Amino acid sequence: MPKKGITGHDGWVVTEALATALVALEQLPVKHQPRTHMEDLRKLLASGREPATVNLHLAQAKCRLFPDRDPLSIYEEYGISEEGYG
């Protein structure tokens, strides 16, 4: 069976890239944040996804970008509790 797209999991790659880019841009000083582009990234990330799923991708991206931070506090920051989605 032929793979779909270029990698076979293009949607996942793009989702992870969008989440990581958005979290990274949020770390810039406010005056340097490209807010319009960030809103576009957020729209692309949210397209066809449940809000809780978007938050999960953002939390995972932040955990990858900040491996020294407590993962539970990052997940809580995005409304995700130990019991599941908030």
PDB file of N, CA and C in Angstrom:
ATOM      1  N   MET A   1       0.848  -1.178   0.000  1.00  0.00           N
ATOM      2  CA  MET A   1       0.000   0.000   0.000  1.00  0.00           C
ATOM      3  C   MET A   1       0.891   1.237   0.000  1.00  0.00           C
ATOM      4  N   PRO A   2       0.673   2.188  -0.907  1.00  0.00           N
ATOM      5  CA  PRO A   2       1.516   3.384  -0.965  1.00  0.00           C
ATOM      6  C   PRO A   2       1.251   4.290   0.237  1.00  0.00           C
ATOM      7  N   LYS A   3       2.302   4.965   0.670  1.00  0.00           N
ATOM      8  CA  LYS A   3       2.143   5.886   1.796  1.00  0.00           C
ATOM      9  C   LYS A   3       1.455   7.163   1.332  1.00  0.00           C
ATOM     10  N   LYS A   4       0.729   7.775   2.250  1.00  0.00           N
ATOM     11  CA  LYS A   4       0.037   9.021   1.948  1.00  0.00           C
ATOM     12  C   LYS A   4       0.985  10.184   2.203  1.00  0.00           C
ATOM     13  N   GLY A   5       0.996  11.133   1.298  1.00  0.00           N
ATOM     14  CA  GLY A   5       1.854  12.301   1.463  1.00  0.00           C
ATOM     15  C   GLY A   5       3.305  11.964   1.215  1.00  0.00           C
ATOM     16  N   ILE A   6       4.169  12.751   1.757  1.00  0.00           N
ATOM     17  CA  ILE A   6       5.599  12.591   1.545  1.00  0.00           C
ATOM     18  C   ILE A   6       6.204  11.615   2.547  1.00  0.00           C
ATOM     19  N   THR A   7       5.816  11.758   3.812  1.00  0.00           N
ATOM     20  CA  THR A   7       6.439  10.948   4.856  1.00  0.00           C
ATOM     21  C   THR A   7       5.593   9.763   5.297  1.00  0.00           C
ATOM     22  N   GLY A   8       4.338   9.788   4.959  1.00  0.00           N
ATOM     23  CA  GLY A   8       3.423   8.773   5.464  1.00  0.00           C
ATOM     24  C   GLY A   8       2.720   9.240   6.729  1.00  0.00           C
ATOM     25  N   HIS A   9       3.238  10.283   7.330  1.00  0.00           N
ATOM     26  CA  HIS A   9       2.607  10.878   8.522  1.00  0.00           C
ATOM     27  C   HIS A   9       2.783  12.398   8.497  1.00  0.00           C
ATOM     28  N   ASP A  10       2.511  12.972   7.323  1.00  0.00           N
ATOM     29  CA  ASP A  10       2.672  14.413   7.116  1.00  0.00           C
ATOM     30  C   ASP A  10       1.874  15.247   8.115  1.00  0.00           C
ATOM     31  N   GLY A  11       0.639  14.848   8.375  1.00  0.00           N
ATOM     32  CA  GLY A  11      -0.207  15.610   9.298  1.00  0.00           C
ATOM     33  C   GLY A  11       0.400  15.714  10.677  1.00  0.00           C
ATOM     34  N   TRP A  12       0.959  14.609  11.157  1.00  0.00           N
ATOM     35  CA  TRP A  12       1.581  14.600  12.487  1.00  0.00           C
ATOM     36  C   TRP A  12       2.808  15.511  12.503  1.00  0.00           C
ATOM     37  N   VAL A  13       3.632  15.439  11.477  1.00  0.00           N
ATOM     38  CA  VAL A  13       4.842  16.260  11.398  1.00  0.00           C
ATOM     39  C   VAL A  13       4.469  17.742  11.395  1.00  0.00           C
ATOM     40  N   VAL A  14       3.487  18.106  10.605  1.00  0.00           N
ATOM     41  CA  VAL A  14       3.065  19.505  10.519  1.00  0.00           C
ATOM     42  C   VAL A  14       2.472  19.969  11.851  1.00  0.00           C
ATOM     43  N   THR A  15       1.668  19.134  12.488  1.00  0.00           N
ATOM     44  CA  THR A  15       1.080  19.485  13.781  1.00  0.00           C
ATOM     45  C   THR A  15       2.160  19.742  14.821  1.00  0.00           C
ATOM     46  N   GLU A  16       3.128  18.847  14.900  1.00  0.00           N
ATOM     47  CA  GLU A  16       4.216  19.016  15.866  1.00  0.00           C
ATOM     48  C   GLU A  16       5.036  20.271  15.561  1.00  0.00           C
ATOM     49  N   ALA A  17       5.279  20.533  14.282  1.00  0.00           N
ATOM     50  CA  ALA A  17       6.045  21.720  13.897  1.00  0.00           C
ATOM     51  C   ALA A  17       5.293  23.002  14.251  1.00  0.00           C
ATOM     52  N   LEU A  18       4.000  23.027  13.983  1.00  0.00           N
ATOM     53  CA  LEU A  18       3.200  24.210  14.307  1.00  0.00           C
ATOM     54  C   LEU A  18       3.179  24.467  15.810  1.00  0.00           C
ATOM     55  N   ALA A  19       2.970  23.425  16.592  1.00  0.00           N
ATOM     56  CA  ALA A  19       2.925  23.576  18.051  1.00  0.00           C
ATOM     57  C   ALA A  19       4.270  24.053  18.588  1.00  0.00           C
ATOM     58  N   THR A  20       5.336  23.463  18.106  1.00  0.00           N
ATOM     59  CA  THR A  20       6.677  23.841  18.570  1.00  0.00           C
ATOM     60  C   THR A  20       7.005  25.278  18.177  1.00  0.00           C
ATOM     61  N   ALA A  21       6.672  25.652  16.947  1.00  0.00           N
ATOM     62  CA  ALA A  21       6.927  27.023  16.502  1.00  0.00           C
ATOM     63  C   ALA A  21       6.140  28.026  17.336  1.00  0.00           C
ATOM     64  N   LEU A  22       4.880  27.726  17.601  1.00  0.00           N
ATOM     65  CA  LEU A  22       4.045  28.641  18.372  1.00  0.00           C
ATOM     66  C   LEU A  22       4.577  28.823  19.794  1.00  0.00           C
ATOM     67  N   VAL A  23       4.921  27.732  20.440  1.00  0.00           N
ATOM     68  CA  VAL A  23       5.463  27.818  21.807  1.00  0.00           C
ATOM     69  C   VAL A  23       6.784  28.586  21.803  1.00  0.00           C
ATOM     70  N   ALA A  24       7.636  28.341  20.823  1.00  0.00           N
ATOM     71  CA  ALA A  24       8.918  29.043  20.750  1.00  0.00           C
ATOM     72  C   ALA A  24       8.707  30.544  20.549  1.00  0.00           C
ATOM     73  N   LEU A  25       7.790  30.913  19.671  1.00  0.00           N
ATOM     74  CA  LEU A  25       7.524  32.338  19.434  1.00  0.00           C
ATOM     75  C   LEU A  25       6.947  33.020  20.670  1.00  0.00           C
ATOM     76  N   GLU A  26       6.195  32.285  21.461  1.00  0.00           N
ATOM     77  CA  GLU A  26       5.627  32.848  22.689  1.00  0.00           C
ATOM     78  C   GLU A  26       6.718  33.211  23.701  1.00  0.00           C
ATOM     79  N   GLN A  27       7.903  32.648  23.547  1.00  0.00           N
ATOM     80  CA  GLN A  27       8.994  32.919  24.480  1.00  0.00           C
ATOM     81  C   GLN A  27       9.728  34.218  24.165  1.00  0.00           C
ATOM     82  N   LEU A  28       9.494  34.753  22.980  1.00  0.00           N
ATOM     83  CA  LEU A  28      10.122  36.021  22.612  1.00  0.00           C
ATOM     84  C   LEU A  28       9.525  37.156  23.438  1.00  0.00           C
ATOM     85  N   PRO A  29      10.295  38.232  23.635  1.00  0.00           N
ATOM     86  CA  PRO A  29       9.698  39.408  24.271  1.00  0.00           C
ATOM     87  C   PRO A  29       8.476  39.845  23.458  1.00  0.00           C
ATOM     88  N   VAL A  30       7.461  40.335  24.141  1.00  0.00           N
ATOM     89  CA  VAL A  30       6.190  40.679  23.496  1.00  0.00           C
ATOM     90  C   VAL A  30       6.391  41.593  22.295  1.00  0.00           C
ATOM     91  N   LYS A  31       7.272  42.569  22.401  1.00  0.00           N
ATOM     92  CA  LYS A  31       7.449  43.509  21.296  1.00  0.00           C
ATOM     93  C   LYS A  31       8.064  42.853  20.056  1.00  0.00           C
ATOM     94  N   HIS A  32       8.631  41.666  20.203  1.00  0.00           N
ATOM     95  CA  HIS A  32       9.241  40.955  19.075  1.00  0.00           C
ATOM     96  C   HIS A  32       8.393  39.784  18.575  1.00  0.00           C
ATOM     97  N   GLN A  33       7.273  39.554  19.220  1.00  0.00           N
ATOM     98  CA  GLN A  33       6.406  38.448  18.800  1.00  0.00           C
ATOM     99  C   GLN A  33       5.610  38.846  17.559  1.00  0.00           C
ATOM    100  N   PRO A  34       5.654  38.016  16.519  1.00  0.00           N
ATOM    101  CA  PRO A  34       4.850  38.299  15.333  1.00  0.00           C
ATOM    102  C   PRO A  34       3.404  37.850  15.563  1.00  0.00           C
ATOM    103  N   ARG A  35       2.644  38.662  16.280  1.00  0.00           N
ATOM    104  CA  ARG A  35       1.312  38.270  16.748  1.00  0.00           C
ATOM    105  C   ARG A  35       0.389  37.794  15.623  1.00  0.00           C
ATOM    106  N   THR A  36       0.384  38.493  14.494  1.00  0.00           N
ATOM    107  CA  THR A  36      -0.497  38.099  13.390  1.00  0.00           C
ATOM    108  C   THR A  36      -0.133  36.710  12.894  1.00  0.00           C
ATOM    109  N   HIS A  37       1.152  36.470  12.728  1.00  0.00           N
ATOM    110  CA  HIS A  37       1.595  35.149  12.269  1.00  0.00           C
ATOM    111  C   HIS A  37       1.313  34.083  13.323  1.00  0.00           C
ATOM    112  N   MET A  38       1.455  34.460  14.575  1.00  0.00           N
ATOM    113  CA  MET A  38       1.185  33.510  15.660  1.00  0.00           C
ATOM    114  C   MET A  38      -0.294  33.118  15.666  1.00  0.00           C
ATOM    115  N   GLU A  39      -1.165  34.077  15.410  1.00  0.00           N
ATOM    116  CA  GLU A  39      -2.594  33.766  15.340  1.00  0.00           C
ATOM    117  C   GLU A  39      -2.890  32.848  14.154  1.00  0.00           C
ATOM    118  N   ASP A  40      -2.194  33.079  13.053  1.00  0.00           N
ATOM    119  CA  ASP A  40      -2.351  32.195  11.893  1.00  0.00           C
ATOM    120  C   ASP A  40      -1.861  30.785  12.207  1.00  0.00           C
ATOM    121  N   LEU A  41      -0.737  30.686  12.907  1.00  0.00           N
ATOM    122  CA  LEU A  41      -0.231  29.372  13.321  1.00  0.00           C
ATOM    123  C   LEU A  41      -1.254  28.663  14.205  1.00  0.00           C
ATOM    124  N   ARG A  42      -1.837  29.432  15.130  1.00  0.00           N
ATOM    125  CA  ARG A  42      -2.837  28.852  16.041  1.00  0.00           C
ATOM    126  C   ARG A  42      -4.062  28.357  15.262  1.00  0.00           C
ATOM    127  N   LYS A  43      -4.495  29.126  14.269  1.00  0.00           N
ATOM    128  CA  LYS A  43      -5.634  28.710  13.444  1.00  0.00           C
ATOM    129  C   LYS A  43      -5.315  27.433  12.678  1.00  0.00           C
ATOM    130  N   LEU A  44      -4.125  27.369  12.103  1.00  0.00           N
ATOM    131  CA  LEU A  44      -3.718  26.162  11.375  1.00  0.00           C
ATOM    132  C   LEU A  44      -3.651  24.960  12.304  1.00  0.00           C
ATOM    133  N   LEU A  45      -3.110  25.167  13.491  1.00  0.00           N
ATOM    134  CA  LEU A  45      -2.996  24.083  14.463  1.00  0.00           C
ATOM    135  C   LEU A  45      -4.371  23.599  14.911  1.00  0.00           C
ATOM    136  N   ALA A  46      -5.303  24.526  15.086  1.00  0.00           N
ATOM    137  CA  ALA A  46      -6.637  24.181  15.582  1.00  0.00           C
ATOM    138  C   ALA A  46      -7.555  23.609  14.510  1.00  0.00           C
ATOM    139  N   SER A  47      -7.194  23.800  13.261  1.00  0.00           N
ATOM    140  CA  SER A  47      -8.054  23.367  12.161  1.00  0.00           C
ATOM    141  C   SER A  47      -8.350  21.872  12.222  1.00  0.00           C
ATOM    142  N   GLY A  48      -9.627  21.557  12.454  1.00  0.00           N
ATOM    143  CA  GLY A  48     -10.062  20.163  12.475  1.00  0.00           C
ATOM    144  C   GLY A  48      -9.689  19.397  13.725  1.00  0.00           C
ATOM    145  N   ARG A  49      -9.249  20.096  14.767  1.00  0.00           N
ATOM    146  CA  ARG A  49      -8.854  19.422  16.008  1.00  0.00           C
ATOM    147  C   ARG A  49      -9.679  19.942  17.184  1.00  0.00           C
ATOM    148  N   GLU A  50      -9.903  19.081  18.145  1.00  0.00           N
ATOM    149  CA  GLU A  50     -10.569  19.486  19.374  1.00  0.00           C
ATOM    150  C   GLU A  50      -9.632  20.411  20.161  1.00  0.00           C
ATOM    151  N   PRO A  51     -10.173  21.416  20.870  1.00  0.00           N
ATOM    152  CA  PRO A  51      -9.328  22.320  21.656  1.00  0.00           C
ATOM    153  C   PRO A  51      -8.420  21.585  22.644  1.00  0.00           C
ATOM    154  N   ALA A  52      -8.918  20.524  23.256  1.00  0.00           N
ATOM    155  CA  ALA A  52      -8.089  19.779  24.214  1.00  0.00           C
ATOM    156  C   ALA A  52      -6.892  19.140  23.516  1.00  0.00           C
ATOM    157  N   THR A  53      -7.071  18.718  22.277  1.00  0.00           N
ATOM    158  CA  THR A  53      -5.967  18.128  21.524  1.00  0.00           C
ATOM    159  C   THR A  53      -4.918  19.187  21.200  1.00  0.00           C
ATOM    160  N   VAL A  54      -5.375  20.384  20.846  1.00  0.00           N
ATOM    161  CA  VAL A  54      -4.446  21.486  20.578  1.00  0.00           C
ATOM    162  C   VAL A  54      -3.625  21.770  21.824  1.00  0.00           C
ATOM    163  N   ASN A  55      -4.278  21.856  22.971  1.00  0.00           N
ATOM    164  CA  ASN A  55      -3.568  22.110  24.221  1.00  0.00           C
ATOM    165  C   ASN A  55      -2.565  21.003  24.524  1.00  0.00           C
ATOM    166  N   LEU A  56      -2.923  19.776  24.220  1.00  0.00           N
ATOM    167  CA  LEU A  56      -2.001  18.662  24.442  1.00  0.00           C
ATOM    168  C   LEU A  56      -0.753  18.818  23.575  1.00  0.00           C
ATOM    169  N   HIS A  57      -0.926  19.153  22.309  1.00  0.00           N
ATOM    170  CA  HIS A  57       0.230  19.351  21.425  1.00  0.00           C
ATOM    171  C   HIS A  57       1.103  20.512  21.907  1.00  0.00           C
ATOM    172  N   LEU A  58       0.477  21.596  22.355  1.00  0.00           N
ATOM    173  CA  LEU A  58       1.236  22.741  22.861  1.00  0.00           C
ATOM    174  C   LEU A  58       2.002  22.379  24.134  1.00  0.00           C
ATOM    175  N   ALA A  59       1.364  21.645  25.022  1.00  0.00           N
ATOM    176  CA  ALA A  59       2.038  21.226  26.255  1.00  0.00           C
ATOM    177  C   ALA A  59       3.216  20.309  25.944  1.00  0.00           C
ATOM    178  N   GLN A  60       3.026  19.373  25.035  1.00  0.00           N
ATOM    179  CA  GLN A  60       4.113  18.474  24.659  1.00  0.00           C
ATOM    180  C   GLN A  60       5.271  19.246  24.035  1.00  0.00           C
ATOM    181  N   ALA A  61       4.953  20.228  23.212  1.00  0.00           N
ATOM    182  CA  ALA A  61       5.997  21.052  22.594  1.00  0.00           C
ATOM    183  C   ALA A  61       6.773  21.817  23.662  1.00  0.00           C
ATOM    184  N   LYS A  62       6.059  22.372  24.625  1.00  0.00           N
ATOM    185  CA  LYS A  62       6.730  23.127  25.687  1.00  0.00           C
ATOM    186  C   LYS A  62       7.607  22.213  26.527  1.00  0.00           C
ATOM    187  N   CYS A  63       7.157  20.997  26.771  1.00  0.00           N
ATOM    188  CA  CYS A  63       7.981  20.029  27.506  1.00  0.00           C
ATOM    189  C   CYS A  63       9.269  19.718  26.742  1.00  0.00           C
ATOM    190  N   ARG A  64       9.166  19.617  25.413  1.00  0.00           N
ATOM    191  CA  ARG A  64      10.364  19.356  24.608  1.00  0.00           C
ATOM    192  C   ARG A  64      11.312  20.554  24.615  1.00  0.00           C
ATOM    193  N   LEU A  65      10.755  21.757  24.559  1.00  0.00           N
ATOM    194  CA  LEU A  65      11.588  22.959  24.527  1.00  0.00           C
ATOM    195  C   LEU A  65      12.203  23.289  25.885  1.00  0.00           C
ATOM    196  N   PHE A  66      11.548  22.851  26.944  1.00  0.00           N
ATOM    197  CA  PHE A  66      12.013  23.136  28.305  1.00  0.00           C
ATOM    198  C   PHE A  66      12.086  21.846  29.115  1.00  0.00           C
ATOM    199  N   PRO A  67      13.034  20.972  28.791  1.00  0.00           N
ATOM    200  CA  PRO A  67      13.097  19.663  29.463  1.00  0.00           C
ATOM    201  C   PRO A  67      13.400  19.742  30.959  1.00  0.00           C
ATOM    202  N   ASP A  68      13.907  20.872  31.435  1.00  0.00           N
ATOM    203  CA  ASP A  68      14.214  21.006  32.860  1.00  0.00           C
ATOM    204  C   ASP A  68      13.010  21.438  33.692  1.00  0.00           C
ATOM    205  N   ARG A  69      11.957  21.872  33.040  1.00  0.00           N
ATOM    206  CA  ARG A  69      10.745  22.273  33.773  1.00  0.00           C
ATOM    207  C   ARG A  69       9.922  21.057  34.136  1.00  0.00           C
ATOM    208  N   ASP A  70       9.140  21.184  35.192  1.00  0.00           N
ATOM    209  CA  ASP A  70       8.269  20.106  35.645  1.00  0.00           C
ATOM    210  C   ASP A  70       7.154  19.890  34.619  1.00  0.00           C
ATOM    211  N   PRO A  71       7.101  18.699  34.003  1.00  0.00           N
ATOM    212  CA  PRO A  71       6.081  18.452  32.980  1.00  0.00           C
ATOM    213  C   PRO A  71       4.651  18.624  33.497  1.00  0.00           C
ATOM    214  N   LEU A  72       4.388  18.210  34.731  1.00  0.00           N
ATOM    215  CA  LEU A  72       3.030  18.341  35.267  1.00  0.00           C
ATOM    216  C   LEU A  72       2.594  19.800  35.333  1.00  0.00           C
ATOM    217  N   SER A  73       3.512  20.688  35.706  1.00  0.00           N
ATOM    218  CA  SER A  73       3.145  22.108  35.777  1.00  0.00           C
ATOM    219  C   SER A  73       2.873  22.661  34.376  1.00  0.00           C
ATOM    220  N   ILE A  74       3.611  22.173  33.385  1.00  0.00           N
ATOM    221  CA  ILE A  74       3.373  22.610  32.013  1.00  0.00           C
ATOM    222  C   ILE A  74       1.996  22.130  31.548  1.00  0.00           C
ATOM    223  N   TYR A  75       1.682  20.866  31.803  1.00  0.00           N
ATOM    224  CA  TYR A  75       0.379  20.344  31.400  1.00  0.00           C
ATOM    225  C   TYR A  75      -0.748  21.103  32.101  1.00  0.00           C
ATOM    226  N   GLU A  76      -0.578  21.418  33.380  1.00  0.00           N
ATOM    227  CA  GLU A  76      -1.590  22.184  34.110  1.00  0.00           C
ATOM    228  C   GLU A  76      -1.739  23.585  33.513  1.00  0.00           C
ATOM    229  N   GLU A  77      -0.625  24.175  33.070  1.00  0.00           N
ATOM    230  CA  GLU A  77      -0.647  25.494  32.437  1.00  0.00           C
ATOM    231  C   GLU A  77      -1.564  25.501  31.209  1.00  0.00           C
ATOM    232  N   TYR A  78      -1.654  24.369  30.549  1.00  0.00           N
ATOM    233  CA  TYR A  78      -2.498  24.240  29.358  1.00  0.00           C
ATOM    234  C   TYR A  78      -3.851  23.600  29.675  1.00  0.00           C
ATOM    235  N   GLY A  79      -4.189  23.527  30.949  1.00  0.00           N
ATOM    236  CA  GLY A  79      -5.504  23.026  31.343  1.00  0.00           C
ATOM    237  C   GLY A  79      -5.635  21.521  31.334  1.00  0.00           C
ATOM    238  N   ILE A  80      -4.520  20.816  31.400  1.00  0.00           N
ATOM    239  CA  ILE A  80      -4.538  19.359  31.395  1.00  0.00           C
ATOM    240  C   ILE A  80      -4.130  18.883  32.776  1.00  0.00           C
ATOM    241  N   SER A  81      -5.021  18.144  33.425  1.00  0.00           N
ATOM    242  CA  SER A  81      -4.716  17.672  34.767  1.00  0.00           C
ATOM    243  C   SER A  81      -4.227  16.223  34.714  1.00  0.00           C
ATOM    244  N   GLU A  82      -3.780  15.726  35.861  1.00  0.00           N
ATOM    245  CA  GLU A  82      -3.324  14.330  35.952  1.00  0.00           C
ATOM    246  C   GLU A  82      -4.433  13.358  35.589  1.00  0.00           C
ATOM    247  N   GLU A  83      -5.680  13.757  35.831  1.00  0.00           N
ATOM    248  CA  GLU A  83      -6.828  12.874  35.561  1.00  0.00           C
ATOM    249  C   GLU A  83      -7.184  12.847  34.077  1.00  0.00           C
ATOM    250  N   GLY A  84      -6.614  13.729  33.308  1.00  0.00           N
ATOM    251  CA  GLY A  84      -6.950  13.789  31.880  1.00  0.00           C
ATOM    252  C   GLY A  84      -7.119  15.211  31.440  1.00  0.00           C
ATOM    253  N   TYR A  85      -7.912  15.421  30.436  1.00  0.00           N
ATOM    254  CA  TYR A  85      -8.131  16.761  29.920  1.00  0.00           C
ATOM    255  C   TYR A  85      -8.988  17.566  30.880  1.00  0.00           C
ATOM    256  N   GLY A  86      -8.578  18.851  31.035  1.00  0.00           N
ATOM    257  CA  GLY A  86      -9.283  19.714  31.969  1.00  0.00           C
ATOM    258  C   GLY A  86     -10.538  20.320  31.460  1.00  0.00           C
TER     259      GLY A  86
END
